[in-house]
Protein backbone atom coordinates (compact mmCIF):
# COMPACT_ATOMS: atom_id res chain seq x y z
CA MET A 1 120.22 90.94 112.04
CA LEU A 2 121.74 92.56 109.01
CA TRP A 3 120.26 95.81 107.73
CA VAL A 4 119.63 94.10 104.38
CA ASN A 5 117.26 91.70 106.11
CA CYS A 6 115.49 94.65 107.73
CA ILE A 7 114.82 96.08 104.27
CA GLY A 8 113.44 92.70 103.19
CA PHE A 9 111.17 92.50 106.21
CA LEU A 10 109.93 96.07 105.67
CA ALA A 11 109.18 95.19 102.05
CA ALA A 12 107.30 92.07 103.15
CA LEU A 13 105.32 94.08 105.72
CA SER A 14 104.35 96.62 103.07
CA VAL A 15 103.01 93.80 100.89
CA LEU A 16 101.09 92.43 103.86
CA ALA A 17 99.66 95.87 104.59
CA SER A 18 98.60 96.28 100.96
CA PHE A 19 96.44 93.17 101.29
CA CYS A 20 94.56 94.94 104.09
CA MET A 21 93.65 97.96 101.97
CA THR A 22 90.06 98.41 100.89
CA THR A 23 90.61 101.23 98.38
CA MET A 24 92.86 101.33 95.35
CA VAL A 25 94.93 104.47 95.92
CA PRO A 26 96.40 103.34 99.27
CA LEU A 27 96.87 99.85 97.82
CA ARG A 28 98.85 101.17 94.84
CA THR A 29 100.85 103.49 97.10
CA LEU A 30 101.85 100.59 99.32
CA ALA A 31 102.57 98.46 96.27
CA LEU A 32 104.97 101.15 95.03
CA THR A 33 106.59 101.28 98.45
CA SER A 34 107.07 97.52 98.42
CA ASN A 35 108.47 97.71 94.87
CA VAL A 36 111.07 100.23 95.96
CA LEU A 37 111.98 98.27 99.09
CA PHE A 38 112.12 94.91 97.30
CA SER A 39 114.20 96.44 94.50
CA LEU A 40 116.65 97.77 97.05
CA TYR A 41 116.64 94.42 98.86
CA GLY A 42 117.26 92.52 95.63
CA LEU A 43 120.03 94.89 94.57
CA VAL A 44 121.91 94.93 97.87
CA GLY A 45 121.33 91.24 98.60
CA HIS A 46 122.22 90.17 95.03
CA ILE A 47 118.82 88.50 94.64
CA TYR A 48 118.31 89.35 91.00
CA PRO A 49 114.95 87.64 90.35
CA VAL A 50 113.41 89.79 93.12
CA LEU A 51 115.11 92.88 91.71
CA VAL A 52 113.92 92.23 88.15
CA LEU A 53 110.35 91.47 89.22
CA HIS A 54 109.94 94.65 91.25
CA VAL A 55 111.68 96.85 88.70
CA ILE A 56 109.10 95.59 86.18
CA LEU A 57 106.17 96.04 88.61
CA MET A 58 107.17 99.56 89.67
CA PRO A 59 106.16 101.42 86.47
CA ILE A 60 102.97 99.35 86.26
CA ASN A 61 101.94 100.36 89.77
CA LEU A 62 103.00 103.96 89.16
CA THR A 63 100.96 104.16 85.96
CA LYS A 64 97.89 102.67 87.65
CA LEU A 65 98.24 105.09 90.57
CA ILE A 66 98.47 108.08 88.23
CA GLU A 67 95.40 106.85 86.33
CA LEU A 68 93.46 106.44 89.57
CA ARG A 69 94.36 109.91 90.77
CA SER A 70 93.53 111.54 87.46
CA HIS A 71 90.15 109.78 87.41
CA ALA A 72 89.51 110.80 91.01
CA LEU A 73 90.35 114.44 90.33
CA GLY A 74 88.95 114.93 86.88
CA HIS A 75 85.96 112.65 86.64
CA ARG A 76 83.98 113.07 89.84
CA ASN A 77 80.92 114.27 87.97
CA ARG A 78 81.13 111.42 85.50
CA ARG A 79 81.30 108.91 88.35
CA THR A 80 78.14 110.21 89.94
CA HIS A 81 76.48 110.22 86.54
CA CYS A 82 77.51 106.61 85.97
CA GLY A 83 75.75 105.24 89.01
CA VAL A 84 77.92 105.52 92.08
CA VAL A 85 75.70 105.92 95.12
CA THR A 86 76.77 108.89 97.20
CA ARG A 87 75.71 109.61 100.76
CA GLY A 88 72.06 110.42 101.13
CA GLU A 89 70.98 108.72 97.90
CA HIS A 90 69.78 105.44 99.32
CA ASP A 91 66.11 105.66 98.45
CA ILE A 92 64.75 103.04 96.02
CA GLY A 93 63.58 105.52 93.37
CA ARG A 94 67.00 107.12 93.12
CA LEU A 95 68.70 103.71 92.96
CA LYS A 96 66.46 102.67 90.04
CA GLN A 97 67.21 105.92 88.25
CA MET A 98 70.94 105.47 88.79
CA LYS A 99 70.75 101.91 87.45
CA GLN A 100 69.15 103.24 84.25
CA GLU A 101 71.81 105.95 83.98
CA ASN A 102 74.50 103.34 84.48
CA GLU A 103 73.12 101.21 81.66
CA LYS A 104 73.07 104.25 79.37
CA CYS A 105 76.62 105.07 80.39
CA ARG A 106 77.91 101.59 79.52
CA GLY A 107 77.14 102.23 75.87
CA GLN A 108 79.14 105.46 75.86
CA ASP A 109 82.88 105.92 75.57
CA THR A 110 83.25 106.85 79.26
CA ALA A 111 84.42 104.85 82.20
CA CYS A 112 81.83 103.84 84.78
CA TYR A 113 83.00 103.09 88.28
């Protein structure tokens, strides 16, 4: 098997693995990996539609990943304020209160997750 085909198979496996992700940061990281591998595969194998597609998708995935990381680092307090249930907050009264906070938050200019 040619090494070019190995790159293609690695790219395909990274796409398959991204479908198994349950959280967005690992999904976007694997998507970026597949973009790089498919771009390389398209370039070396002269498969230009694959190359063009993944060159276009790469900055999109990179931008989304940067946004996710900045939200994760800078907005932890806002997330809890906007109704994300954290460990130990599973009682009914707290859930009702968080639902009310979430509805208030929707009217503001902040992102609720």
